[in-house]
Amino acid sequence: MAGGSFDDECDYLFKAVLIGDSAVGKSNLLSRFARDEFYLDSKPTIGVEFAYRNIKVGDKLIKAQIWDTAGQERFRAITSSYYRGALGALLVYDITRKGTFENLKKWLYELREFGNPDMVVVLVGNKSDLAQSREVSLEEGQSLAKLEGLFFLETSARENLNVEEAFLHMITKIHEVASQKTLEAKTNGDHKMPTLHGGKQIINVDEVSATKHTSCCSN
């Protein structure tokens, strides 16, 4: 796909966010998914960073733009606006730190306060490779997911376990929601669906569209 432009190659641009407490492994989940990389000495995210990856769903090519938000309290004010336009979220906790699991209610409240009501949320218990230090049981994660109506997976960014599955589930579900909305809009005769001049749909209409580059669809 190298050298292709968004207009020529991609059918959709989806924005999603990674949220959760600091040091739960959000940045390494993203780097593993986007570049198949893992960093033992990963530094805390300052503000917001993002990465792209192309995903084929059916006959559509989706450009997933995943934002990695800072989990530290002092950065919350600058990250809340980044929920705008996000169609999906990975809600991440660390299975070896009970406090990060207990704080999920706060993150869920924030998601529902600032996020799209149709947002696809996947609950992720990260660092499953450190099972000997586990403080949150698999059953606790499953129970919370069932209670809140979320898809749930335990992952290990270090060992690359279920990372792909977590992101792909989120992106596939976003595509289902977006396709349904497109169908409903056509059925209702709404011709105001957001499009680029090339006719491709950009589902999240916000500042994200301004970050497009000519090599946006390059892997």
N, C-alpha and C. Protein backbone atom coordinates (compact mmCIF):
# COMPACT_ATOMS: atom_id res chain seq x y z
N MET A 1 0.82 -1.20 0.00
CA MET A 1 0.00 0.00 0.00
C MET A 1 0.86 1.26 0.00
N ALA A 2 2.15 1.11 0.10
CA ALA A 2 3.04 2.26 0.22
C ALA A 2 2.83 3.21 -0.95
N GLY A 3 2.77 4.47 -0.63
CA GLY A 3 2.64 5.48 -1.65
C GLY A 3 1.20 5.82 -1.99
N GLY A 4 0.25 5.00 -1.53
CA GLY A 4 -1.15 5.28 -1.81
C GLY A 4 -1.64 6.43 -0.95
N SER A 5 -2.64 7.12 -1.41
CA SER A 5 -3.20 8.20 -0.62
C SER A 5 -4.51 7.73 0.01
N PHE A 6 -4.96 8.46 1.01
CA PHE A 6 -6.23 8.11 1.66
C PHE A 6 -7.36 8.10 0.64
N ASP A 7 -7.38 9.12 -0.21
CA ASP A 7 -8.47 9.25 -1.17
C ASP A 7 -8.51 8.07 -2.14
N ASP A 8 -7.35 7.58 -2.54
CA ASP A 8 -7.29 6.52 -3.54
C ASP A 8 -7.50 5.13 -2.95
N GLU A 9 -7.04 4.93 -1.72
CA GLU A 9 -6.95 3.56 -1.22
C GLU A 9 -7.93 3.22 -0.10
N CYS A 10 -8.11 4.10 0.86
CA CYS A 10 -8.87 3.76 2.06
C CYS A 10 -10.36 4.06 1.89
N ASP A 11 -11.18 3.16 2.41
CA ASP A 11 -12.63 3.37 2.37
C ASP A 11 -13.12 4.13 3.61
N TYR A 12 -12.50 3.86 4.75
CA TYR A 12 -12.91 4.50 6.00
C TYR A 12 -11.70 4.91 6.83
N LEU A 13 -11.86 5.97 7.59
CA LEU A 13 -10.92 6.33 8.64
C LEU A 13 -11.67 6.24 9.96
N PHE A 14 -11.22 5.35 10.84
CA PHE A 14 -11.84 5.20 12.16
C PHE A 14 -10.87 5.68 13.22
N LYS A 15 -11.36 6.49 14.12
CA LYS A 15 -10.56 6.92 15.26
C LYS A 15 -10.98 6.11 16.49
N ALA A 16 -9.99 5.63 17.24
CA ALA A 16 -10.24 4.92 18.49
C ALA A 16 -9.21 5.38 19.52
N VAL A 17 -9.53 5.17 20.79
CA VAL A 17 -8.64 5.62 21.86
C VAL A 17 -8.31 4.46 22.80
N LEU A 18 -7.13 4.55 23.39
CA LEU A 18 -6.71 3.65 24.46
C LEU A 18 -6.82 4.42 25.76
N ILE A 19 -7.54 3.87 26.74
CA ILE A 19 -7.67 4.56 28.01
C ILE A 19 -7.44 3.59 29.17
N GLY A 20 -7.13 4.17 30.31
CA GLY A 20 -6.83 3.38 31.49
C GLY A 20 -5.73 4.07 32.30
N ASP A 21 -5.47 3.55 33.48
CA ASP A 21 -4.47 4.16 34.36
C ASP A 21 -3.08 4.15 33.73
N SER A 22 -2.21 4.97 34.29
CA SER A 22 -0.82 5.02 33.84
C SER A 22 -0.13 3.68 34.09
N ALA A 23 0.73 3.28 33.17
CA ALA A 23 1.59 2.09 33.30
C ALA A 23 0.82 0.76 33.23
N VAL A 24 -0.37 0.78 32.63
CA VAL A 24 -1.08 -0.50 32.44
C VAL A 24 -0.65 -1.17 31.13
N GLY A 25 0.14 -0.44 30.32
CA GLY A 25 0.66 -1.02 29.08
C GLY A 25 -0.03 -0.55 27.82
N LYS A 26 -0.70 0.60 27.87
CA LYS A 26 -1.42 1.09 26.69
C LYS A 26 -0.48 1.34 25.51
N SER A 27 0.65 2.00 25.78
CA SER A 27 1.59 2.33 24.69
C SER A 27 2.17 1.08 24.05
N ASN A 28 2.47 0.08 24.87
CA ASN A 28 3.02 -1.16 24.30
C ASN A 28 1.97 -1.96 23.55
N LEU A 29 0.71 -1.90 23.98
CA LEU A 29 -0.35 -2.53 23.21
C LEU A 29 -0.44 -1.89 21.82
N LEU A 30 -0.36 -0.57 21.79
CA LEU A 30 -0.44 0.14 20.52
C LEU A 30 0.78 -0.15 19.64
N SER A 31 1.97 -0.11 20.21
CA SER A 31 3.17 -0.35 19.41
C SER A 31 3.22 -1.80 18.91
N ARG A 32 2.69 -2.72 19.71
CA ARG A 32 2.63 -4.12 19.28
C ARG A 32 1.65 -4.26 18.11
N PHE A 33 0.51 -3.61 18.22
CA PHE A 33 -0.50 -3.71 17.16
C PHE A 33 -0.08 -2.98 15.88
N ALA A 34 0.46 -1.78 16.04
CA ALA A 34 0.76 -0.94 14.87
C ALA A 34 2.07 -1.34 14.20
N ARG A 35 3.09 -1.72 15.00
CA ARG A 35 4.41 -1.97 14.43
C ARG A 35 5.03 -3.30 14.84
N ASP A 36 4.28 -4.10 15.63
CA ASP A 36 4.79 -5.36 16.17
C ASP A 36 6.08 -5.12 16.96
N GLU A 37 6.04 -4.10 17.82
CA GLU A 37 7.20 -3.78 18.66
C GLU A 37 6.77 -3.75 20.13
N PHE A 38 7.73 -4.02 21.01
CA PHE A 38 7.50 -3.97 22.45
C PHE A 38 8.73 -3.37 23.11
N TYR A 39 8.50 -2.47 24.08
CA TYR A 39 9.61 -1.79 24.75
C TYR A 39 9.54 -2.01 26.25
N LEU A 40 10.52 -2.70 26.80
CA LEU A 40 10.54 -2.94 28.25
C LEU A 40 10.67 -1.63 29.01
N ASP A 41 11.39 -0.66 28.42
CA ASP A 41 11.62 0.61 29.13
C ASP A 41 10.70 1.71 28.62
N SER A 42 9.46 1.32 28.26
CA SER A 42 8.49 2.29 27.75
C SER A 42 8.27 3.42 28.76
N LYS A 43 8.32 4.66 28.25
CA LYS A 43 8.14 5.84 29.11
C LYS A 43 6.66 6.23 29.14
N PRO A 44 6.23 6.89 30.23
CA PRO A 44 4.83 7.35 30.29
C PRO A 44 4.50 8.28 29.13
N THR A 45 3.30 8.13 28.60
CA THR A 45 2.84 8.99 27.51
C THR A 45 2.55 10.38 28.06
N ILE A 46 3.04 11.39 27.33
CA ILE A 46 2.77 12.78 27.72
C ILE A 46 1.71 13.31 26.76
N GLY A 47 0.53 13.60 27.30
CA GLY A 47 -0.54 14.09 26.44
C GLY A 47 -1.10 12.96 25.60
N VAL A 48 -0.99 13.09 24.28
CA VAL A 48 -1.58 12.10 23.38
C VAL A 48 -0.64 11.80 22.22
N GLU A 49 -0.52 10.53 21.89
CA GLU A 49 0.21 10.10 20.70
C GLU A 49 -0.73 9.20 19.90
N PHE A 50 -0.44 9.02 18.61
CA PHE A 50 -1.30 8.11 17.86
C PHE A 50 -0.50 7.37 16.79
N ALA A 51 -1.08 6.27 16.33
CA ALA A 51 -0.48 5.47 15.27
C ALA A 51 -1.58 4.98 14.35
N TYR A 52 -1.19 4.68 13.12
CA TYR A 52 -2.12 4.17 12.12
C TYR A 52 -1.85 2.71 11.81
N ARG A 53 -2.91 2.01 11.40
CA ARG A 53 -2.72 0.71 10.77
C ARG A 53 -3.90 0.42 9.84
N ASN A 54 -3.60 -0.16 8.69
CA ASN A 54 -4.64 -0.54 7.73
C ASN A 54 -5.20 -1.90 8.07
N ILE A 55 -6.53 -2.02 8.02
CA ILE A 55 -7.20 -3.28 8.30
C ILE A 55 -8.21 -3.54 7.19
N LYS A 56 -8.20 -4.75 6.67
CA LYS A 56 -9.20 -5.13 5.65
C LYS A 56 -10.36 -5.82 6.36
N VAL A 57 -11.54 -5.27 6.21
CA VAL A 57 -12.76 -5.88 6.76
C VAL A 57 -13.70 -6.11 5.58
N GLY A 58 -13.92 -7.36 5.25
CA GLY A 58 -14.70 -7.67 4.05
C GLY A 58 -13.97 -7.12 2.84
N ASP A 59 -14.68 -6.33 2.04
CA ASP A 59 -14.04 -5.74 0.86
C ASP A 59 -13.63 -4.29 1.09
N LYS A 60 -13.64 -3.86 2.35
CA LYS A 60 -13.32 -2.47 2.67
C LYS A 60 -11.94 -2.37 3.33
N LEU A 61 -11.19 -1.33 2.95
CA LEU A 61 -9.92 -1.05 3.59
C LEU A 61 -10.11 0.07 4.60
N ILE A 62 -9.83 -0.24 5.85
CA ILE A 62 -10.04 0.71 6.94
C ILE A 62 -8.70 1.21 7.44
N LYS A 63 -8.59 2.52 7.58
CA LYS A 63 -7.43 3.13 8.22
C LYS A 63 -7.82 3.35 9.68
N ALA A 64 -7.23 2.55 10.56
CA ALA A 64 -7.49 2.71 12.00
C ALA A 64 -6.49 3.70 12.57
N GLN A 65 -6.99 4.75 13.16
CA GLN A 65 -6.14 5.75 13.80
C GLN A 65 -6.36 5.62 15.31
N ILE A 66 -5.37 5.04 15.99
CA ILE A 66 -5.50 4.72 17.41
C ILE A 66 -4.74 5.76 18.23
N TRP A 67 -5.45 6.41 19.14
CA TRP A 67 -4.85 7.43 20.00
C TRP A 67 -4.51 6.82 21.35
N ASP A 68 -3.30 7.08 21.79
CA ASP A 68 -2.80 6.59 23.08
C ASP A 68 -2.82 7.77 24.05
N THR A 69 -3.72 7.73 25.01
CA THR A 69 -3.89 8.87 25.92
C THR A 69 -3.13 8.66 27.22
N ALA A 70 -2.65 9.74 27.78
CA ALA A 70 -1.94 9.68 29.05
C ALA A 70 -2.87 9.24 30.16
N GLY A 71 -2.42 8.31 30.99
CA GLY A 71 -3.25 7.84 32.09
C GLY A 71 -3.09 8.64 33.35
N GLN A 72 -2.07 9.52 33.38
CA GLN A 72 -1.80 10.26 34.61
C GLN A 72 -2.79 11.42 34.80
N GLU A 73 -3.20 11.58 36.02
CA GLU A 73 -4.24 12.57 36.34
C GLU A 73 -3.91 13.97 35.84
N ARG A 74 -2.65 14.36 35.91
CA ARG A 74 -2.34 15.75 35.57
C ARG A 74 -2.53 16.04 34.07
N PHE A 75 -2.68 14.99 33.27
CA PHE A 75 -2.90 15.20 31.84
C PHE A 75 -4.36 15.04 31.43
N ARG A 76 -5.24 14.75 32.38
CA ARG A 76 -6.62 14.46 32.00
C ARG A 76 -7.30 15.63 31.28
N ALA A 77 -7.00 16.85 31.70
CA ALA A 77 -7.67 18.01 31.11
C ALA A 77 -7.38 18.12 29.62
N ILE A 78 -6.18 17.74 29.18
CA ILE A 78 -5.86 17.91 27.77
C ILE A 78 -6.28 16.71 26.94
N THR A 79 -6.68 15.61 27.60
CA THR A 79 -7.04 14.43 26.81
C THR A 79 -8.54 14.23 26.66
N SER A 80 -9.35 14.85 27.50
CA SER A 80 -10.79 14.60 27.42
C SER A 80 -11.36 14.97 26.06
N SER A 81 -10.81 16.01 25.41
CA SER A 81 -11.31 16.42 24.11
C SER A 81 -11.05 15.38 23.03
N TYR A 82 -10.12 14.49 23.29
CA TYR A 82 -9.77 13.50 22.26
C TYR A 82 -10.79 12.37 22.15
N TYR A 83 -11.75 12.35 23.05
CA TYR A 83 -12.85 11.39 22.89
C TYR A 83 -13.72 11.79 21.70
N ARG A 84 -13.72 13.07 21.36
CA ARG A 84 -14.58 13.55 20.30
C ARG A 84 -14.24 12.87 18.99
N GLY A 85 -15.23 12.27 18.36
CA GLY A 85 -15.00 11.60 17.08
C GLY A 85 -14.52 10.17 17.20
N ALA A 86 -14.20 9.72 18.42
CA ALA A 86 -13.72 8.35 18.60
C ALA A 86 -14.90 7.38 18.52
N LEU A 87 -14.73 6.35 17.71
CA LEU A 87 -15.79 5.36 17.53
C LEU A 87 -15.54 4.09 18.33
N GLY A 88 -14.34 3.99 18.91
CA GLY A 88 -14.02 2.80 19.70
C GLY A 88 -13.02 3.13 20.78
N ALA A 89 -12.97 2.26 21.79
CA ALA A 89 -12.01 2.44 22.88
C ALA A 89 -11.57 1.09 23.42
N LEU A 90 -10.29 0.99 23.70
CA LEU A 90 -9.76 -0.14 24.47
C LEU A 90 -9.57 0.37 25.89
N LEU A 91 -10.32 -0.22 26.81
CA LEU A 91 -10.28 0.16 28.22
C LEU A 91 -9.35 -0.82 28.92
N VAL A 92 -8.18 -0.36 29.34
CA VAL A 92 -7.11 -1.26 29.75
C VAL A 92 -6.81 -1.16 31.25
N TYR A 93 -6.66 -2.34 31.88
CA TYR A 93 -6.15 -2.40 33.26
C TYR A 93 -5.01 -3.42 33.32
N ASP A 94 -4.29 -3.40 34.42
CA ASP A 94 -3.14 -4.28 34.64
C ASP A 94 -3.58 -5.38 35.61
N ILE A 95 -3.52 -6.65 35.18
CA ILE A 95 -4.01 -7.73 36.03
C ILE A 95 -3.19 -7.89 37.31
N THR A 96 -2.01 -7.25 37.37
CA THR A 96 -1.16 -7.36 38.56
C THR A 96 -1.34 -6.19 39.52
N ARG A 97 -2.23 -5.26 39.19
CA ARG A 97 -2.46 -4.09 40.05
C ARG A 97 -3.96 -3.88 40.22
N LYS A 98 -4.47 -4.29 41.35
CA LYS A 98 -5.91 -4.24 41.64
C LYS A 98 -6.48 -2.83 41.48
N GLY A 99 -5.69 -1.84 41.87
CA GLY A 99 -6.16 -0.46 41.79
C GLY A 99 -6.53 -0.03 40.38
N THR A 100 -5.81 -0.55 39.38
CA THR A 100 -6.10 -0.17 37.99
C THR A 100 -7.43 -0.76 37.55
N PHE A 101 -7.81 -1.89 38.16
CA PHE A 101 -9.11 -2.51 37.87
C PHE A 101 -10.22 -1.74 38.57
N GLU A 102 -9.97 -1.35 39.82
CA GLU A 102 -10.97 -0.60 40.58
C GLU A 102 -11.26 0.76 39.96
N ASN A 103 -10.27 1.33 39.27
CA ASN A 103 -10.45 2.64 38.64
C ASN A 103 -11.22 2.58 37.33
N LEU A 104 -11.56 1.38 36.85
CA LEU A 104 -12.26 1.25 35.57
C LEU A 104 -13.62 1.96 35.59
N LYS A 105 -14.27 1.99 36.76
CA LYS A 105 -15.57 2.67 36.84
C LYS A 105 -15.42 4.14 36.51
N LYS A 106 -14.32 4.74 36.96
CA LYS A 106 -14.06 6.15 36.66
C LYS A 106 -13.86 6.34 35.15
N TRP A 107 -13.10 5.43 34.54
CA TRP A 107 -12.85 5.53 33.10
C TRP A 107 -14.13 5.31 32.30
N LEU A 108 -14.96 4.38 32.74
CA LEU A 108 -16.22 4.13 32.05
C LEU A 108 -17.14 5.35 32.15
N TYR A 109 -17.14 5.98 33.32
CA TYR A 109 -17.95 7.19 33.48
C TYR A 109 -17.47 8.27 32.51
N GLU A 110 -16.14 8.42 32.41
CA GLU A 110 -15.59 9.43 31.52
C GLU A 110 -15.92 9.12 30.05
N LEU A 111 -15.82 7.85 29.70
CA LEU A 111 -16.16 7.43 28.33
C LEU A 111 -17.60 7.82 28.00
N ARG A 112 -18.49 7.54 28.93
CA ARG A 112 -19.91 7.81 28.67
C ARG A 112 -20.24 9.29 28.75
N GLU A 113 -19.41 10.03 29.47
CA GLU A 113 -19.61 11.47 29.58
C GLU A 113 -19.15 12.19 28.30
N PHE A 114 -17.99 11.80 27.78
CA PHE A 114 -17.40 12.51 26.65
C PHE A 114 -17.50 11.76 25.32
N GLY A 115 -17.73 10.45 25.37
CA GLY A 115 -17.67 9.64 24.16
C GLY A 115 -18.98 9.56 23.40
N ASN A 116 -18.88 9.05 22.20
CA ASN A 116 -20.03 8.78 21.35
C ASN A 116 -20.88 7.69 21.99
N PRO A 117 -22.21 7.85 22.04
CA PRO A 117 -23.05 6.82 22.67
C PRO A 117 -22.98 5.46 21.98
N ASP A 118 -22.57 5.46 20.71
CA ASP A 118 -22.44 4.19 19.97
C ASP A 118 -21.03 3.63 20.01
N MET A 119 -20.18 4.21 20.85
CA MET A 119 -18.78 3.79 20.89
C MET A 119 -18.65 2.31 21.24
N VAL A 120 -17.78 1.61 20.50
CA VAL A 120 -17.48 0.21 20.77
C VAL A 120 -16.36 0.15 21.82
N VAL A 121 -16.63 -0.49 22.95
CA VAL A 121 -15.65 -0.55 24.04
C VAL A 121 -15.23 -2.00 24.29
N VAL A 122 -13.92 -2.22 24.29
CA VAL A 122 -13.35 -3.53 24.59
C VAL A 122 -12.56 -3.43 25.89
N LEU A 123 -12.90 -4.29 26.84
CA LEU A 123 -12.20 -4.32 28.13
C LEU A 123 -10.99 -5.24 28.01
N VAL A 124 -9.82 -4.74 28.40
CA VAL A 124 -8.58 -5.48 28.23
C VAL A 124 -7.84 -5.59 29.56
N GLY A 125 -7.62 -6.83 30.00
CA GLY A 125 -6.77 -7.08 31.17
C GLY A 125 -5.37 -7.40 30.66
N ASN A 126 -4.48 -6.44 30.74
CA ASN A 126 -3.14 -6.59 30.15
C ASN A 126 -2.14 -7.21 31.14
N LYS A 127 -1.03 -7.66 30.59
CA LYS A 127 0.10 -8.27 31.32
C LYS A 127 -0.22 -9.67 31.82
N SER A 128 -0.93 -10.43 30.98
CA SER A 128 -1.27 -11.81 31.35
C SER A 128 -0.04 -12.70 31.47
N ASP A 129 1.10 -12.24 30.94
CA ASP A 129 2.34 -13.00 31.08
C ASP A 129 2.87 -12.96 32.52
N LEU A 130 2.33 -12.06 33.34
CA LEU A 130 2.76 -11.93 34.74
C LEU A 130 1.73 -12.57 35.67
N ALA A 131 1.21 -13.72 35.27
CA ALA A 131 0.12 -14.38 36.02
C ALA A 131 0.51 -14.70 37.46
N GLN A 132 1.81 -14.92 37.69
CA GLN A 132 2.26 -15.25 39.05
C GLN A 132 2.09 -14.06 40.01
N SER A 133 1.93 -12.86 39.44
CA SER A 133 1.72 -11.65 40.26
C SER A 133 0.29 -11.14 40.16
N ARG A 134 -0.59 -11.97 39.69
CA ARG A 134 -1.98 -11.56 39.43
C ARG A 134 -2.69 -11.09 40.70
N GLU A 135 -3.39 -9.93 40.58
CA GLU A 135 -4.23 -9.43 41.67
C GLU A 135 -5.70 -9.36 41.24
N VAL A 136 -5.94 -9.50 39.94
CA VAL A 136 -7.31 -9.46 39.41
C VAL A 136 -7.55 -10.77 38.67
N SER A 137 -8.55 -11.53 39.12
CA SER A 137 -8.81 -12.84 38.50
C SER A 137 -9.48 -12.67 37.14
N LEU A 138 -9.35 -13.70 36.32
CA LEU A 138 -10.01 -13.72 35.02
C LEU A 138 -11.52 -13.57 35.19
N GLU A 139 -12.06 -14.21 36.23
CA GLU A 139 -13.49 -14.16 36.49
C GLU A 139 -13.96 -12.75 36.83
N GLU A 140 -13.13 -11.99 37.55
CA GLU A 140 -13.50 -10.60 37.88
C GLU A 140 -13.62 -9.76 36.61
N GLY A 141 -12.67 -9.95 35.68
CA GLY A 141 -12.73 -9.22 34.41
C GLY A 141 -13.97 -9.61 33.63
N GLN A 142 -14.25 -10.91 33.57
CA GLN A 142 -15.42 -11.39 32.85
C GLN A 142 -16.71 -10.85 33.44
N SER A 143 -16.78 -10.81 34.78
CA SER A 143 -17.99 -10.33 35.46
C SER A 143 -18.25 -8.86 35.16
N LEU A 144 -17.18 -8.04 35.22
CA LEU A 144 -17.34 -6.62 34.94
C LEU A 144 -17.78 -6.42 33.49
N ALA A 145 -17.16 -7.16 32.58
CA ALA A 145 -17.51 -7.03 31.16
C ALA A 145 -18.96 -7.39 30.93
N LYS A 146 -19.42 -8.45 31.58
CA LYS A 146 -20.82 -8.86 31.43
C LYS A 146 -21.76 -7.81 32.00
N LEU A 147 -21.40 -7.27 33.15
CA LEU A 147 -22.22 -6.24 33.80
C LEU A 147 -22.36 -5.00 32.93
N GLU A 148 -21.25 -4.61 32.29
CA GLU A 148 -21.23 -3.36 31.52
C GLU A 148 -21.51 -3.58 30.03
N GLY A 149 -21.67 -4.84 29.63
CA GLY A 149 -21.94 -5.12 28.22
C GLY A 149 -20.75 -4.91 27.31
N LEU A 150 -19.56 -5.29 27.80
CA LEU A 150 -18.33 -5.08 27.03
C LEU A 150 -17.75 -6.40 26.55
N PHE A 151 -17.02 -6.37 25.45
CA PHE A 151 -16.23 -7.52 25.02
C PHE A 151 -14.97 -7.53 25.87
N PHE A 152 -14.50 -8.72 26.29
CA PHE A 152 -13.38 -8.81 27.23
C PHE A 152 -12.32 -9.79 26.77
N LEU A 153 -11.06 -9.38 26.93
CA LEU A 153 -9.92 -10.24 26.64
C LEU A 153 -8.79 -9.92 27.62
N GLU A 154 -8.04 -10.94 28.00
CA GLU A 154 -6.76 -10.70 28.66
C GLU A 154 -5.68 -10.75 27.60
N THR A 155 -4.73 -9.83 27.71
CA THR A 155 -3.68 -9.71 26.70
C THR A 155 -2.29 -9.67 27.33
N SER A 156 -1.30 -9.90 26.50
CA SER A 156 0.09 -9.66 26.88
C SER A 156 0.77 -8.97 25.71
N ALA A 157 1.10 -7.69 25.88
CA ALA A 157 1.82 -6.98 24.83
C ALA A 157 3.22 -7.57 24.67
N ARG A 158 3.81 -7.99 25.79
CA ARG A 158 5.17 -8.54 25.74
C ARG A 158 5.21 -9.82 24.90
N GLU A 159 4.26 -10.73 25.15
CA GLU A 159 4.26 -12.01 24.45
C GLU A 159 3.33 -12.02 23.23
N ASN A 160 2.74 -10.86 22.94
CA ASN A 160 1.85 -10.70 21.79
C ASN A 160 0.69 -11.69 21.83
N LEU A 161 0.04 -11.77 22.99
CA LEU A 161 -1.12 -12.65 23.18
C LEU A 161 -2.41 -11.82 23.15
N ASN A 162 -3.28 -12.14 22.22
CA ASN A 162 -4.61 -11.53 22.10
C ASN A 162 -4.61 -10.04 21.78
N VAL A 163 -3.44 -9.47 21.46
CA VAL A 163 -3.38 -8.04 21.14
C VAL A 163 -4.12 -7.78 19.83
N GLU A 164 -3.76 -8.56 18.82
CA GLU A 164 -4.40 -8.44 17.51
C GLU A 164 -5.91 -8.65 17.64
N GLU A 165 -6.28 -9.67 18.41
CA GLU A 165 -7.70 -10.00 18.56
C GLU A 165 -8.49 -8.86 19.18
N ALA A 166 -7.92 -8.21 20.19
CA ALA A 166 -8.61 -7.11 20.87
C ALA A 166 -8.87 -5.95 19.91
N PHE A 167 -7.83 -5.52 19.20
CA PHE A 167 -7.98 -4.41 18.26
C PHE A 167 -8.90 -4.76 17.10
N LEU A 168 -8.72 -5.96 16.55
CA LEU A 168 -9.53 -6.35 15.39
C LEU A 168 -11.00 -6.49 15.74
N HIS A 169 -11.29 -6.99 16.95
CA HIS A 169 -12.69 -7.06 17.37
C HIS A 169 -13.28 -5.66 17.41
N MET A 170 -12.56 -4.72 18.02
CA MET A 170 -13.05 -3.35 18.11
C MET A 170 -13.29 -2.75 16.73
N ILE A 171 -12.32 -2.90 15.83
CA ILE A 171 -12.42 -2.29 14.50
C ILE A 171 -13.54 -2.93 13.68
N THR A 172 -13.68 -4.25 13.79
CA THR A 172 -14.75 -4.94 13.06
C THR A 172 -16.12 -4.49 13.55
N LYS A 173 -16.26 -4.35 14.87
CA LYS A 173 -17.55 -3.90 15.43
C LYS A 173 -17.84 -2.45 15.03
N ILE A 174 -16.80 -1.61 14.99
CA ILE A 174 -16.99 -0.22 14.54
C ILE A 174 -17.50 -0.22 13.10
N HIS A 175 -16.91 -1.08 12.29
CA HIS A 175 -17.32 -1.15 10.89
C HIS A 175 -18.79 -1.56 10.77
N GLU A 176 -19.21 -2.50 11.63
CA GLU A 176 -20.62 -2.93 11.62
C GLU A 176 -21.54 -1.76 11.97
N VAL A 177 -21.17 -1.01 13.01
CA VAL A 177 -21.98 0.14 13.44
C VAL A 177 -22.02 1.20 12.34
N ALA A 178 -20.84 1.49 11.75
CA ALA A 178 -20.76 2.52 10.71
C ALA A 178 -21.55 2.11 9.48
N SER A 179 -21.47 0.82 9.12
CA SER A 179 -22.20 0.33 7.95
C SER A 179 -23.71 0.45 8.17
N GLN A 180 -24.15 0.14 9.39
CA GLN A 180 -25.56 0.24 9.72
C GLN A 180 -26.03 1.70 9.64
N LYS A 181 -25.18 2.62 10.14
CA LYS A 181 -25.54 4.04 10.09
C LYS A 181 -25.62 4.53 8.65
N THR A 182 -24.67 4.07 7.82
CA THR A 182 -24.67 4.46 6.41
C THR A 182 -25.93 3.97 5.72
N LEU A 183 -26.29 2.73 6.02
CA LEU A 183 -27.50 2.14 5.44
C LEU A 183 -28.74 2.92 5.87
N GLU A 184 -28.81 3.26 7.16
CA GLU A 184 -29.96 4.00 7.68
C GLU A 184 -30.04 5.39 7.04
N ALA A 185 -28.87 6.01 6.85
CA ALA A 185 -28.85 7.35 6.25
C ALA A 185 -29.36 7.30 4.82
N LYS A 186 -28.93 6.26 4.08
CA LYS A 186 -29.39 6.12 2.69
C LYS A 186 -30.90 5.84 2.65
N THR A 187 -31.35 4.99 3.57
CA THR A 187 -32.77 4.63 3.63
C THR A 187 -33.62 5.86 3.92
N ASN A 188 -33.08 6.74 4.78
CA ASN A 188 -33.82 7.95 5.15
C ASN A 188 -33.61 9.10 4.17
N GLY A 189 -32.85 8.84 3.12
CA GLY A 189 -32.62 9.87 2.12
C GLY A 189 -31.70 10.97 2.59
N ASP A 190 -30.83 10.65 3.57
CA ASP A 190 -29.89 11.65 4.08
C ASP A 190 -28.65 11.62 3.21
N HIS A 191 -28.41 12.69 2.48
CA HIS A 191 -27.25 12.75 1.59
C HIS A 191 -26.11 13.55 2.20
N LYS A 192 -26.16 13.72 3.52
CA LYS A 192 -25.13 14.54 4.17
C LYS A 192 -24.08 13.69 4.87
N MET A 193 -23.97 12.41 4.48
CA MET A 193 -22.92 11.58 5.07
C MET A 193 -21.57 12.20 4.75
N PRO A 194 -20.66 12.28 5.72
CA PRO A 194 -19.36 12.92 5.49
C PRO A 194 -18.55 12.17 4.45
N THR A 195 -18.04 12.90 3.44
CA THR A 195 -17.21 12.27 2.42
C THR A 195 -16.03 13.16 2.10
N LEU A 196 -15.01 12.55 1.55
CA LEU A 196 -13.89 13.30 1.00
C LEU A 196 -14.17 13.54 -0.47
N HIS A 197 -13.37 14.38 -1.11
CA HIS A 197 -13.65 14.69 -2.51
C HIS A 197 -13.50 13.46 -3.40
N GLY A 198 -12.79 12.44 -2.94
CA GLY A 198 -12.64 11.22 -3.71
C GLY A 198 -13.82 10.28 -3.52
N GLY A 199 -14.79 10.67 -2.68
CA GLY A 199 -15.97 9.85 -2.47
C GLY A 199 -15.82 8.87 -1.33
N LYS A 200 -14.68 8.86 -0.65
CA LYS A 200 -14.48 7.92 0.45
C LYS A 200 -15.08 8.51 1.72
N GLN A 201 -15.54 7.62 2.58
CA GLN A 201 -16.19 8.10 3.80
C GLN A 201 -15.21 8.25 4.95
N ILE A 202 -15.33 9.37 5.62
CA ILE A 202 -14.58 9.59 6.84
C ILE A 202 -15.66 9.65 7.92
N ILE A 203 -15.73 8.66 8.76
CA ILE A 203 -16.87 8.53 9.66
C ILE A 203 -16.78 9.52 10.82
N ASN A 204 -15.58 9.74 11.33
CA ASN A 204 -15.45 10.67 12.45
C ASN A 204 -15.08 12.04 11.91
N VAL A 205 -16.03 12.96 12.00
CA VAL A 205 -15.80 14.29 11.43
C VAL A 205 -15.33 15.22 12.53
N ASP A 206 -14.04 15.31 12.69
CA ASP A 206 -13.48 16.23 13.69
C ASP A 206 -12.06 16.55 13.28
N GLU A 207 -11.26 16.99 14.24
CA GLU A 207 -9.90 17.42 13.93
C GLU A 207 -9.03 16.32 13.37
N VAL A 208 -9.46 15.06 13.54
CA VAL A 208 -8.66 13.95 13.04
C VAL A 208 -8.46 14.04 11.54
N SER A 209 -9.49 14.50 10.83
CA SER A 209 -9.40 14.56 9.37
C SER A 209 -8.27 15.48 8.93
N ALA A 210 -7.91 16.42 9.78
CA ALA A 210 -6.85 17.35 9.42
C ALA A 210 -5.47 16.72 9.51
N THR A 211 -5.40 15.51 10.09
CA THR A 211 -4.08 14.88 10.25
C THR A 211 -3.73 13.99 9.07
N LYS A 212 -4.61 13.94 8.05
CA LYS A 212 -4.32 13.11 6.89
C LYS A 212 -3.05 13.58 6.19
N HIS A 213 -2.27 12.62 5.71
CA HIS A 213 -1.10 12.92 4.90
C HIS A 213 -1.25 12.15 3.60
N THR A 214 -0.44 12.49 2.61
CA THR A 214 -0.55 11.79 1.34
C THR A 214 -0.18 10.32 1.49
N SER A 215 0.62 10.01 2.50
CA SER A 215 1.01 8.60 2.71
C SER A 215 0.18 7.96 3.80
N CYS A 216 -0.99 8.53 4.06
CA CYS A 216 -1.83 8.06 5.15
C CYS A 216 -2.14 6.58 5.08
N CYS A 217 -2.22 6.04 3.89
CA CYS A 217 -2.59 4.64 3.77
C CYS A 217 -1.38 3.72 3.67
N SER A 218 -0.21 4.23 3.90
CA SER A 218 0.97 3.37 3.90
C SER A 218 1.01 2.58 5.18
N ASN A 219 1.48 1.37 5.10
CA ASN A 219 1.63 0.57 6.32
C ASN A 219 2.83 1.04 7.09
